[in-house]
PDB file of N, CA and C in Angstrom:
ATOM      1  N   MET A   1       1.069  -1.296  -0.094  1.00  0.00           N
ATOM      2  CA  MET A   1       0.013  -0.150  -0.176  1.00  0.00           C
ATOM      3  C   MET A   1       0.865   1.221  -0.106  1.00  0.00           C
ATOM      4  N   ARG A   2       1.943   0.954   0.460  1.00  0.00           N
ATOM      5  CA  ARG A   2       2.957   2.379   0.748  1.00  0.00           C
ATOM      6  C   ARG A   2       3.545   2.880  -0.614  1.00  0.00           C
ATOM      7  N   VAL A   3       3.789   1.765  -1.426  1.00  0.00           N
ATOM      8  CA  VAL A   3       4.267   1.811  -2.558  1.00  0.00           C
ATOM      9  C   VAL A   3       3.454   2.398  -3.292  1.00  0.00           C
ATOM     10  N   LEU A   4       1.920   2.721  -3.382  1.00  0.00           N
ATOM     11  CA  LEU A   4       1.236   3.181  -4.181  1.00  0.00           C
ATOM     12  C   LEU A   4       1.215   4.819  -3.629  1.00  0.00           C
ATOM     13  N   ALA A   5       1.104   4.928  -2.684  1.00  0.00           N
ATOM     14  CA  ALA A   5       1.309   6.068  -1.896  1.00  0.00           C
ATOM     15  C   ALA A   5       2.607   7.010  -2.764  1.00  0.00           C
ATOM     16  N   ALA A   6       3.824   6.264  -3.056  1.00  0.00           N
ATOM     17  CA  ALA A   6       4.937   6.842  -3.545  1.00  0.00           C
ATOM     18  C   ALA A   6       4.597   7.793  -5.051  1.00  0.00           C
ATOM     19  N   LEU A   7       3.470   6.988  -5.426  1.00  0.00           N
ATOM     20  CA  LEU A   7       3.540   7.721  -6.999  1.00  0.00           C
ATOM     21  C   LEU A   7       2.820   9.234  -6.954  1.00  0.00           C
ATOM     22  N   PRO A   8       1.661   9.201  -6.171  1.00  0.00           N
ATOM     23  CA  PRO A   8       1.345  10.719  -5.977  1.00  0.00           C
ATOM     24  C   PRO A   8       2.278  11.334  -5.307  1.00  0.00           C
ATOM     25  N   LEU A   9       3.099  10.963  -4.658  1.00  0.00           N
ATOM     26  CA  LEU A   9       4.035  11.930  -3.657  1.00  0.00           C
ATOM     27  C   LEU A   9       5.237  12.158  -4.464  1.00  0.00           C
ATOM     28  N   ALA A  10       5.795  11.108  -5.525  1.00  0.00           N
ATOM     29  CA  ALA A  10       6.435  11.528  -6.673  1.00  0.00           C
ATOM     30  C   ALA A  10       5.804  12.850  -7.304  1.00  0.00           C
ATOM     31  N   ALA A  11       5.169  13.031  -7.717  1.00  0.00           N
ATOM     32  CA  ALA A  11       4.096  14.094  -8.397  1.00  0.00           C
ATOM     33  C   ALA A  11       4.243  15.263  -7.548  1.00  0.00           C
ATOM     34  N   ILE A  12       3.959  15.058  -6.245  1.00  0.00           N
ATOM     35  CA  ILE A  12       4.063  16.647  -5.597  1.00  0.00           C
ATOM     36  C   ILE A  12       5.834  16.790  -5.335  1.00  0.00           C
ATOM     37  N   GLY A  13       6.529  15.638  -5.180  1.00  0.00           N
ATOM     38  CA  GLY A  13       7.753  16.187  -4.998  1.00  0.00           C
ATOM     39  C   GLY A  13       8.075  16.892  -6.188  1.00  0.00           C
ATOM     40  N   ALA A  14       7.932  16.408  -7.411  1.00  0.00           N
ATOM     41  CA  ALA A  14       8.597  17.163  -8.394  1.00  0.00           C
ATOM     42  C   ALA A  14       8.151  18.709  -8.736  1.00  0.00           C
ATOM     43  N   TRP A  15       6.270  18.850  -8.508  1.00  0.00           N
ATOM     44  CA  TRP A  15       5.994  20.036  -8.537  1.00  0.00           C
ATOM     45  C   TRP A  15       6.970  20.804  -7.566  1.00  0.00           C
ATOM     46  N   THR A  16       7.023  20.582  -6.283  1.00  0.00           N
ATOM     47  CA  THR A  16       7.904  21.446  -5.273  1.00  0.00           C
ATOM     48  C   THR A  16       9.440  21.731  -5.918  1.00  0.00           C
ATOM     49  N   ALA A  17       9.689  20.817  -6.571  1.00  0.00           N
ATOM     50  CA  ALA A  17      11.002  21.314  -7.426  1.00  0.00           C
ATOM     51  C   ALA A  17      10.902  21.926  -8.274  1.00  0.00           C
ATOM     52  N   VAL A  18      10.124  21.956  -9.004  1.00  0.00           N
ATOM     53  CA  VAL A  18       9.885  22.650  -9.894  1.00  0.00           C
ATOM     54  C   VAL A  18       9.539  24.637  -9.580  1.00  0.00           C
ATOM     55  N   CYS A  19       9.079  24.590  -8.595  1.00  0.00           N
ATOM     56  CA  CYS A  19       8.526  25.689  -7.839  1.00  0.00           C
ATOM     57  C   CYS A  19      10.405  26.438  -7.382  1.00  0.00           C
ATOM     58  N   ALA A  20      10.813  25.387  -6.664  1.00  0.00           N
ATOM     59  CA  ALA A  20      12.201  25.882  -6.056  1.00  0.00           C
ATOM     60  C   ALA A  20      12.876  26.221  -6.888  1.00  0.00           C
ATOM     61  N   VAL A  21      13.231  25.481  -8.020  1.00  0.00           N
ATOM     62  CA  VAL A  21      13.985  25.746  -9.354  1.00  0.00           C
ATOM     63  C   VAL A  21      13.760  27.096 -10.002  1.00  0.00           C
ATOM     64  N   ALA A  22      12.339  27.509 -10.281  1.00  0.00           N
ATOM     65  CA  ALA A  22      11.910  28.466 -10.483  1.00  0.00           C
ATOM     66  C   ALA A  22      11.873  30.180  -9.877  1.00  0.00           C
ATOM     67  N   LEU A  23      12.345  29.646  -8.406  1.00  0.00           N
ATOM     68  CA  LEU A  23      12.300  31.002  -7.845  1.00  0.00           C
ATOM     69  C   LEU A  23      13.416  30.889  -6.956  1.00  0.00           C
ATOM     70  N   TYR A  24      14.530  29.937  -6.986  1.00  0.00           N
ATOM     71  CA  TYR A  24      15.404  29.889  -5.972  1.00  0.00           C
ATOM     72  C   TYR A  24      16.706  31.388  -5.586  1.00  0.00           C
ATOM     73  N   SER A  25      16.504  32.053  -7.183  1.00  0.00           N
ATOM     74  CA  SER A  25      17.546  32.873  -7.012  1.00  0.00           C
ATOM     75  C   SER A  25      17.096  34.282  -6.237  1.00  0.00           C
ATOM     76  N   ASP A  26      16.317  34.362  -5.630  1.00  0.00           N
ATOM     77  CA  ASP A  26      16.037  35.431  -4.252  1.00  0.00           C
ATOM     78  C   ASP A  26      15.992  34.902  -3.120  1.00  0.00           C
ATOM     79  N   ALA A  27      16.641  35.111  -2.134  1.00  0.00           N
ATOM     80  CA  ALA A  27      16.705  34.592  -0.813  1.00  0.00           C
ATOM     81  C   ALA A  27      15.772  34.113  -0.271  1.00  0.00           C
ATOM     82  N   PRO A  28      14.663  34.607   0.008  1.00  0.00           N
ATOM     83  CA  PRO A  28      13.657  34.617   0.776  1.00  0.00           C
ATOM     84  C   PRO A  28      12.525  33.061   0.034  1.00  0.00           C
ATOM     85  N   TRP A  29      12.827  33.462  -1.427  1.00  0.00           N
ATOM     86  CA  TRP A  29      12.201  31.887  -1.904  1.00  0.00           C
ATOM     87  C   TRP A  29      13.023  30.970  -1.924  1.00  0.00           C
ATOM     88  N   LEU A  30      14.552  31.197  -1.963  1.00  0.00           N
ATOM     89  CA  LEU A  30      15.345  30.061  -1.856  1.00  0.00           C
ATOM     90  C   LEU A  30      15.274  29.554  -0.342  1.00  0.00           C
ATOM     91  N   ALA A  31      14.785  30.261   0.724  1.00  0.00           N
ATOM     92  CA  ALA A  31      14.532  29.440   1.944  1.00  0.00           C
ATOM     93  C   ALA A  31      13.422  28.784   2.075  1.00  0.00           C
ATOM     94  N   LEU A  32      12.239  29.163   1.272  1.00  0.00           N
ATOM     95  CA  LEU A  32      11.033  28.333   1.238  1.00  0.00           C
ATOM     96  C   LEU A  32      11.283  27.360   0.658  1.00  0.00           C
ATOM     97  N   GLY A  33      11.900  27.397  -0.188  1.00  0.00           N
ATOM     98  CA  GLY A  33      12.344  26.492  -1.362  1.00  0.00           C
ATOM     99  C   GLY A  33      12.926  25.408  -1.261  1.00  0.00           C
ATOM    100  N   VAL A  34      13.729  25.406   0.272  1.00  0.00           N
ATOM    101  CA  VAL A  34      14.295  24.210   0.869  1.00  0.00           C
ATOM    102  C   VAL A  34      13.477  24.056   2.048  1.00  0.00           C
ATOM    103  N   ALA A  35      12.735  24.973   2.556  1.00  0.00           N
ATOM    104  CA  ALA A  35      11.978  24.922   4.233  1.00  0.00           C
ATOM    105  C   ALA A  35      10.954  23.995   3.827  1.00  0.00           C
ATOM    106  N   ALA A  36      10.210  23.990   2.426  1.00  0.00           N
ATOM    107  CA  ALA A  36       8.912  23.122   2.366  1.00  0.00           C
ATOM    108  C   ALA A  36       9.382  21.791   2.157  1.00  0.00           C
ATOM    109  N   PRO A  37      10.233  21.459   0.962  1.00  0.00           N
ATOM    110  CA  PRO A  37      10.618  20.028   1.165  1.00  0.00           C
ATOM    111  C   PRO A  37      11.321  19.745   2.149  1.00  0.00           C
ATOM    112  N   ALA A  38      11.852  20.170   3.343  1.00  0.00           N
ATOM    113  CA  ALA A  38      12.565  19.180   4.185  1.00  0.00           C
ATOM    114  C   ALA A  38      11.517  19.350   5.287  1.00  0.00           C
ATOM    115  N   ALA A  39      10.478  20.380   5.490  1.00  0.00           N
ATOM    116  CA  ALA A  39       9.461  19.773   6.232  1.00  0.00           C
ATOM    117  C   ALA A  39       8.780  18.607   5.636  1.00  0.00           C
ATOM    118  N   ALA A  40       8.442  18.559   4.558  1.00  0.00           N
ATOM    119  CA  ALA A  40       7.711  17.417   3.844  1.00  0.00           C
ATOM    120  C   ALA A  40       8.438  16.182   3.970  1.00  0.00           C
ATOM    121  N   THR A  41       9.937  16.034   3.833  1.00  0.00           N
ATOM    122  CA  THR A  41      10.615  15.076   3.834  1.00  0.00           C
ATOM    123  C   THR A  41      10.478  14.599   5.705  1.00  0.00           C
ATOM    124  N   TYR A  42      10.419  15.510   6.400  1.00  0.00           N
ATOM    125  CA  TYR A  42      10.761  14.953   7.860  1.00  0.00           C
ATOM    126  C   TYR A  42       9.244  14.488   8.170  1.00  0.00           C
ATOM    127  N   ALA A  43       8.041  15.146   7.926  1.00  0.00           N
ATOM    128  CA  ALA A  43       6.800  14.750   8.037  1.00  0.00           C
ATOM    129  C   ALA A  43       6.204  13.386   7.287  1.00  0.00           C
ATOM    130  N   LEU A  44       6.681  13.071   6.355  1.00  0.00           N
ATOM    131  CA  LEU A  44       6.521  11.608   5.422  1.00  0.00           C
ATOM    132  C   LEU A  44       6.949  10.535   6.314  1.00  0.00           C
ATOM    133  N   PRO A  45       6.306   9.354   6.435  1.00  0.00           N
ATOM    134  CA  PRO A  45       6.749   8.493   7.201  1.00  0.00           C
ATOM    135  C   PRO A  45       8.104   7.743   6.437  1.00  0.00           C
ATOM    136  N   GLY A  46       8.891   7.127   6.900  1.00  0.00           N
ATOM    137  CA  GLY A  46      10.343   6.465   6.064  1.00  0.00           C
ATOM    138  C   GLY A  46       9.655   5.495   5.357  1.00  0.00           C
ATOM    139  N   GLY A  47      10.654   5.099   4.326  1.00  0.00           N
ATOM    140  CA  GLY A  47      10.252   4.133   3.303  1.00  0.00           C
ATOM    141  C   GLY A  47       9.881   4.477   2.258  1.00  0.00           C
ATOM    142  N   TRP A  48       8.921   3.599   1.117  1.00  0.00           N
ATOM    143  CA  TRP A  48       8.426   4.225   0.108  1.00  0.00           C
ATOM    144  C   TRP A  48       8.061   5.883  -0.131  1.00  0.00           C
ATOM    145  N   PRO A  49       6.900   6.075   0.838  1.00  0.00           N
ATOM    146  CA  PRO A  49       6.185   7.504   0.593  1.00  0.00           C
ATOM    147  C   PRO A  49       7.610   8.403   0.836  1.00  0.00           C
ATOM    148  N   ARG A  50       8.526   8.419   1.502  1.00  0.00           N
ATOM    149  CA  ARG A  50       9.470   9.260   1.872  1.00  0.00           C
ATOM    150  C   ARG A  50      10.339   9.443   0.411  1.00  0.00           C
ATOM    151  N   PHE A  51      10.523   7.895  -0.203  1.00  0.00           N
ATOM    152  CA  PHE A  51      11.762   7.959  -1.457  1.00  0.00           C
ATOM    153  C   PHE A  51      10.843   8.634  -2.389  1.00  0.00           C
ATOM    154  N   GLY A  52       9.573   8.431  -2.610  1.00  0.00           N
ATOM    155  CA  GLY A  52       8.460   8.660  -3.730  1.00  0.00           C
ATOM    156  C   GLY A  52       8.930  10.315  -3.858  1.00  0.00           C
ATOM    157  N   PHE A  53       8.530  11.128  -2.791  1.00  0.00           N
ATOM    158  CA  PHE A  53       8.783  12.662  -2.835  1.00  0.00           C
ATOM    159  C   PHE A  53      10.158  12.805  -2.956  1.00  0.00           C
ATOM    160  N   ILE A  54      11.164  12.252  -2.499  1.00  0.00           N
ATOM    161  CA  ILE A  54      12.433  12.591  -2.775  1.00  0.00           C
ATOM    162  C   ILE A  54      12.836  12.517  -4.240  1.00  0.00           C
ATOM    163  N   ALA A  55      12.534  11.366  -4.728  1.00  0.00           N
ATOM    164  CA  ALA A  55      12.574  10.733  -6.335  1.00  0.00           C
ATOM    165  C   ALA A  55      12.241  11.607  -7.254  1.00  0.00           C
ATOM    166  N   GLY A  56      11.130  12.306  -6.735  1.00  0.00           N
ATOM    167  CA  GLY A  56      10.281  13.049  -7.516  1.00  0.00           C
ATOM    168  C   GLY A  56      10.955  14.614  -7.670  1.00  0.00           C
ATOM    169  N   SER A  57      11.435  15.061  -6.542  1.00  0.00           N
ATOM    170  CA  SER A  57      12.205  16.079  -6.260  1.00  0.00           C
ATOM    171  C   SER A  57      13.390  16.209  -7.347  1.00  0.00           C
ATOM    172  N   LEU A  58      14.535  14.999  -6.833  1.00  0.00           N
ATOM    173  CA  LEU A  58      15.402  14.771  -7.541  1.00  0.00           C
ATOM    174  C   LEU A  58      15.423  14.624  -8.644  1.00  0.00           C
ATOM    175  N   ALA A  59      14.565  14.325  -9.163  1.00  0.00           N
ATOM    176  CA  ALA A  59      14.748  13.701 -10.868  1.00  0.00           C
ATOM    177  C   ALA A  59      14.192  15.538 -11.503  1.00  0.00           C
ATOM    178  N   ILE A  60      13.653  16.482 -10.810  1.00  0.00           N
ATOM    179  CA  ILE A  60      13.282  17.691 -11.484  1.00  0.00           C
ATOM    180  C   ILE A  60      14.563  18.443 -11.330  1.00  0.00           C
ATOM    181  N   LEU A  61      15.780  18.263 -10.152  1.00  0.00           N
ATOM    182  CA  LEU A  61      16.747  18.929 -10.031  1.00  0.00           C
ATOM    183  C   LEU A  61      17.873  18.307 -11.028  1.00  0.00           C
ATOM    184  N   ALA A  62      17.661  17.143 -11.573  1.00  0.00           N
ATOM    185  CA  ALA A  62      18.519  16.321 -12.549  1.00  0.00           C
ATOM    186  C   ALA A  62      18.628  16.846 -13.787  1.00  0.00           C
ATOM    187  N   ILE A  63      17.068  17.005 -14.166  1.00  0.00           N
ATOM    188  CA  ILE A  63      16.670  17.590 -15.502  1.00  0.00           C
ATOM    189  C   ILE A  63      17.329  18.962 -15.505  1.00  0.00           C
ATOM    190  N   ALA A  64      17.306  19.703 -14.644  1.00  0.00           N
ATOM    191  CA  ALA A  64      17.661  20.924 -14.452  1.00  0.00           C
ATOM    192  C   ALA A  64      18.976  21.327 -14.612  1.00  0.00           C
ATOM    193  N   LEU A  65      19.831  20.340 -14.159  1.00  0.00           N
ATOM    194  CA  LEU A  65      21.266  20.098 -14.242  1.00  0.00           C
ATOM    195  C   LEU A  65      21.710  20.057 -15.680  1.00  0.00           C
ATOM    196  N   LEU A  66      20.889  19.014 -16.518  1.00  0.00           N
ATOM    197  CA  LEU A  66      21.107  18.970 -17.846  1.00  0.00           C
ATOM    198  C   LEU A  66      21.842  20.179 -18.719  1.00  0.00           C
ATOM    199  N   GLY A  67      21.061  21.523 -18.449  1.00  0.00           N
ATOM    200  CA  GLY A  67      21.078  22.259 -19.298  1.00  0.00           C
ATOM    201  C   GLY A  67      20.326  22.465 -20.298  1.00  0.00           C
ATOM    202  N   ARG A  68      20.164  23.837 -20.935  1.00  0.00           N
ATOM    203  CA  ARG A  68      19.177  23.892 -22.155  1.00  0.00           C
ATOM    204  C   ARG A  68      19.969  23.650 -23.392  1.00  0.00           C
ATOM    205  N   PRO A  69      19.272  23.439 -24.561  1.00  0.00           N
ATOM    206  CA  PRO A  69      19.932  23.480 -26.031  1.00  0.00           C
ATOM    207  C   PRO A  69      20.668  24.431 -26.304  1.00  0.00           C
ATOM    208  N   GLU A  70      20.679  26.118 -25.869  1.00  0.00           N
ATOM    209  CA  GLU A  70      20.998  26.806 -26.516  1.00  0.00           C
ATOM    210  C   GLU A  70      22.278  27.004 -25.356  1.00  0.00           C
ATOM    211  N   GLY A  71      22.979  26.096 -24.752  1.00  0.00           N
ATOM    212  CA  GLY A  71      23.926  26.203 -23.470  1.00  0.00           C
ATOM    213  C   GLY A  71      23.848  26.811 -22.070  1.00  0.00           C
ATOM    214  N   ASP A  72      22.808  27.329 -22.182  1.00  0.00           N
ATOM    215  CA  ASP A  72      22.283  28.103 -20.539  1.00  0.00           C
ATOM    216  C   ASP A  72      22.001  27.005 -19.674  1.00  0.00           C
ATOM    217  N   TRP A  73      22.402  26.876 -18.187  1.00  0.00           N
ATOM    218  CA  TRP A  73      22.167  26.391 -17.288  1.00  0.00           C
ATOM    219  C   TRP A  73      20.859  26.920 -16.472  1.00  0.00           C
ATOM    220  N   VAL A  74      20.261  25.934 -16.202  1.00  0.00           N
ATOM    221  CA  VAL A  74      18.642  26.434 -15.297  1.00  0.00           C
ATOM    222  C   VAL A  74      19.517  27.244 -14.110  1.00  0.00           C
ATOM    223  N   ILE A  75      20.397  26.295 -13.436  1.00  0.00           N
ATOM    224  CA  ILE A  75      20.681  26.304 -12.006  1.00  0.00           C
ATOM    225  C   ILE A  75      21.946  27.320 -12.150  1.00  0.00           C
ATOM    226  N   ALA A  76      22.133  28.226 -11.374  1.00  0.00           N
ATOM    227  CA  ALA A  76      23.229  29.165 -11.650  1.00  0.00           C
ATOM    228  C   ALA A  76      24.319  28.581 -10.875  1.00  0.00           C
ATOM    229  N   ALA A  77      25.553  28.862 -11.300  1.00  0.00           N
ATOM    230  CA  ALA A  77      26.943  28.348 -10.436  1.00  0.00           C
ATOM    231  C   ALA A  77      27.369  29.535  -9.279  1.00  0.00           C
ATOM    232  N   ASP A  78      26.050  29.833  -8.417  1.00  0.00           N
ATOM    233  CA  ASP A  78      26.232  30.899  -7.238  1.00  0.00           C
ATOM    234  C   ASP A  78      26.066  29.993  -5.807  1.00  0.00           C
ATOM    235  N   TRP A  79      25.551  30.951  -4.902  1.00  0.00           N
ATOM    236  CA  TRP A  79      25.428  30.417  -3.698  1.00  0.00           C
ATOM    237  C   TRP A  79      23.874  29.955  -3.423  1.00  0.00           C
ATOM    238  N   HIS A  80      23.562  30.514  -4.458  1.00  0.00           N
ATOM    239  CA  HIS A  80      21.697  29.993  -4.147  1.00  0.00           C
ATOM    240  C   HIS A  80      21.627  28.763  -4.756  1.00  0.00           C
ATOM    241  N   GLY A  81      22.486  28.398  -6.058  1.00  0.00           N
ATOM    242  CA  GLY A  81      22.172  27.158  -6.707  1.00  0.00           C
ATOM    243  C   GLY A  81      22.647  25.841  -5.943  1.00  0.00           C
ATOM    244  N   TYR A  82      24.237  26.593  -5.398  1.00  0.00           N
ATOM    245  CA  TYR A  82      24.641  25.382  -4.882  1.00  0.00           C
ATOM    246  C   TYR A  82      23.836  24.994  -3.408  1.00  0.00           C
ATOM    247  N   THR A  83      23.329  25.964  -3.042  1.00  0.00           N
ATOM    248  CA  THR A  83      22.082  25.884  -1.590  1.00  0.00           C
ATOM    249  C   THR A  83      21.548  24.601  -2.331  1.00  0.00           C
ATOM    250  N   LEU A  84      20.527  25.217  -3.253  1.00  0.00           N
ATOM    251  CA  LEU A  84      19.338  24.262  -3.667  1.00  0.00           C
ATOM    252  C   LEU A  84      19.726  22.830  -3.910  1.00  0.00           C
ATOM    253  N   LEU A  85      21.178  22.507  -4.810  1.00  0.00           N
ATOM    254  CA  LEU A  85      21.535  21.218  -5.035  1.00  0.00           C
ATOM    255  C   LEU A  85      21.857  20.573  -3.720  1.00  0.00           C
ATOM    256  N   GLY A  86      22.702  21.068  -2.833  1.00  0.00           N
ATOM    257  CA  GLY A  86      22.970  20.469  -1.357  1.00  0.00           C
ATOM    258  C   GLY A  86      22.197  20.180  -0.484  1.00  0.00           C
ATOM    259  N   ALA A  87      21.029  21.019  -0.682  1.00  0.00           N
ATOM    260  CA  ALA A  87      20.114  20.626  -0.028  1.00  0.00           C
ATOM    261  C   ALA A  87      18.943  19.306  -0.406  1.00  0.00           C
ATOM    262  N   GLY A  88      18.823  19.255  -1.827  1.00  0.00           N
ATOM    263  CA  GLY A  88      18.655  18.145  -2.412  1.00  0.00           C
ATOM    264  C   GLY A  88      19.217  16.644  -1.911  1.00  0.00           C
ATOM    265  N   LEU A  89      20.704  16.840  -1.868  1.00  0.00           N
ATOM    266  CA  LEU A  89      21.652  15.688  -1.496  1.00  0.00           C
ATOM    267  C   LEU A  89      21.528  15.752  -0.096  1.00  0.00           C
ATOM    268  N   VAL A  90      21.109  16.654   0.598  1.00  0.00           N
ATOM    269  CA  VAL A  90      21.131  16.405   2.299  1.00  0.00           C
ATOM    270  C   VAL A  90      19.494  15.632   2.435  1.00  0.00           C
ATOM    271  N   PHE A  91      18.445  15.778   1.688  1.00  0.00           N
ATOM    272  CA  PHE A  91      17.229  15.480   1.441  1.00  0.00           C
ATOM    273  C   PHE A  91      17.522  13.745   1.589  1.00  0.00           C
ATOM    274  N   LEU A  92      18.212  13.587   0.140  1.00  0.00           N
ATOM    275  CA  LEU A  92      18.318  12.025  -0.142  1.00  0.00           C
ATOM    276  C   LEU A  92      18.987  11.228   0.684  1.00  0.00           C
ATOM    277  N   THR A  93      20.170  11.699   1.561  1.00  0.00           N
ATOM    278  CA  THR A  93      20.769  10.987   2.469  1.00  0.00           C
ATOM    279  C   THR A  93      19.803  10.910   3.795  1.00  0.00           C
ATOM    280  N   TYR A  94      19.203  11.808   4.041  1.00  0.00           N
ATOM    281  CA  TYR A  94      17.956  11.986   5.367  1.00  0.00           C
ATOM    282  C   TYR A  94      16.971  10.760   4.895  1.00  0.00           C
ATOM    283  N   ALA A  95      16.392  10.416   3.520  1.00  0.00           N
ATOM    284  CA  ALA A  95      15.855   9.453   3.152  1.00  0.00           C
ATOM    285  C   ALA A  95      16.317   7.911   3.185  1.00  0.00           C
ATOM    286  N   VAL A  96      17.764   8.063   2.818  1.00  0.00           N
ATOM    287  CA  VAL A  96      18.043   6.597   2.859  1.00  0.00           C
ATOM    288  C   VAL A  96      18.594   6.212   4.074  1.00  0.00           C
ATOM    289  N   GLY A  97      19.059   7.555   5.065  1.00  0.00           N
ATOM    290  CA  GLY A  97      19.438   7.046   6.204  1.00  0.00           C
ATOM    291  C   GLY A  97      18.317   6.883   7.691  1.00  0.00           C
ATOM    292  N   THR A  98      17.067   7.116   7.234  1.00  0.00           N
ATOM    293  CA  THR A  98      16.014   6.618   7.890  1.00  0.00           C
ATOM    294  C   THR A  98      14.791   5.717   7.464  1.00  0.00           C
ATOM    295  N   VAL A  99      15.522   4.729   6.336  1.00  0.00           N
ATOM    296  CA  VAL A  99      14.358   3.814   6.034  1.00  0.00           C
ATOM    297  C   VAL A  99      14.747   2.659   7.198  1.00  0.00           C
ATOM    298  N   PRO A 100      13.372   2.251   7.328  1.00  0.00           N
ATOM    299  CA  PRO A 100      12.910   1.255   8.439  1.00  0.00           C
ATOM    300  C   PRO A 100      13.760  -0.093   8.333  1.00  0.00           C
ATOM    301  N   ARG A 101      14.127  -0.580   9.250  1.00  0.00           N
ATOM    302  CA  ARG A 101      15.049  -1.841   8.950  1.00  0.00           C
ATOM    303  C   ARG A 101      13.738  -2.933   8.804  1.00  0.00           C
ATOM    304  N   ARG A 102      14.115  -3.910   8.218  1.00  0.00           N
ATOM    305  CA  ARG A 102      13.176  -5.072   8.148  1.00  0.00           C
ATOM    306  C   ARG A 102      13.581  -6.172   9.698  1.00  0.00           C
ATOM    307  N   ALA A 103      12.221  -6.750  10.000  1.00  0.00           N
ATOM    308  CA  ALA A 103      12.423  -7.332  11.331  1.00  0.00           C
ATOM    309  C   ALA A 103      13.115  -8.822  10.467  1.00  0.00           C
ATOM    310  N   ARG A 104      13.797  -9.602  11.128  1.00  0.00           N
ATOM    311  CA  ARG A 104      13.973 -10.545  11.032  1.00  0.00           C
ATOM    312  C   ARG A 104      13.133 -11.755  11.876  1.00  0.00           C
ATOM    313  N   LYS A 105      12.892 -12.735  11.170  1.00  0.00           N
ATOM    314  CA  LYS A 105      12.554 -13.877  11.343  1.00  0.00           C
ATOM    315  C   LYS A 105      13.083 -14.314  12.410  1.00  0.00           C
ATOM    316  N   PRO A 106      12.423 -15.008  13.706  1.00  0.00           N
ATOM    317  CA  PRO A 106      13.625 -15.601  14.616  1.00  0.00           C
ATOM    318  C   PRO A 106      14.082 -16.784  14.623  1.00  0.00           C
ATOM    319  N   GLY A 107      13.448 -17.730  13.663  1.00  0.00           N
ATOM    320  CA  GLY A 107      14.532 -19.024  13.225  1.00  0.00           C
ATOM    321  C   GLY A 107      15.506 -18.627  11.896  1.00  0.00           C
ATOM    322  N   ASN A 108      15.418 -17.239  11.689  1.00  0.00           N
ATOM    323  CA  ASN A 108      16.536 -17.064  10.218  1.00  0.00           C
ATOM    324  C   ASN A 108      17.513 -16.216  11.006  1.00  0.00           C
ATOM    325  N   ARG A 109      18.197 -16.591  11.937  1.00  0.00           N
ATOM    326  CA  ARG A 109      19.381 -16.058  12.495  1.00  0.00           C
ATOM    327  C   ARG A 109      21.005 -16.833  11.844  1.00  0.00           C
ATOM    328  N   PRO A 110      21.918 -15.786  11.690  1.00  0.00           N
ATOM    329  CA  PRO A 110      22.964 -16.529  10.887  1.00  0.00           C
ATOM    330  C   PRO A 110      23.554 -17.486  12.169  1.00  0.00           C
ATOM    331  N   SER A 111      24.506 -18.312  11.757  1.00  0.00           N
ATOM    332  CA  SER A 111      24.916 -19.069  12.716  1.00  0.00           C
ATOM    333  C   SER A 111      26.315 -18.249  12.902  1.00  0.00           C
ATOM    334  N   PRO A 112      26.929 -18.552  14.324  1.00  0.00           N
ATOM    335  CA  PRO A 112      28.175 -17.977  14.481  1.00  0.00           C
ATOM    336  C   PRO A 112      29.502 -18.811  14.126  1.00  0.00           C
ATOM    337  N   THR A 113      30.220 -18.039  13.383  1.00  0.00           N
ATOM    338  CA  THR A 113      31.256 -19.064  12.894  1.00  0.00           C
ATOM    339  C   THR A 113      32.579 -18.975  13.821  1.00  0.00           C
TER     340      THR A 113
END
């Protein structure tokens, strides 16, 4: 069931990243563009829902890093752009680091060697 929740959350994460990329050049909008995904990432349960949101967000950031056909870049190489990209990496690290561990079955323990 949680896997199904990841799909709409990926769309929401992608839309959040589109808004962040479009408005990141002003410091107040950059703060909102980092704080909103941070709050959503923290609020979502670990596992597929959180990964869905982060995957949608990072997909848009990856597309923005590819550049445009005329040679321009969507994300500038200044502190605003680096902050936006760094926040995406922090969110990915948080999503990976907070994956719930699967419980082992009682009879499935490895034997000591």
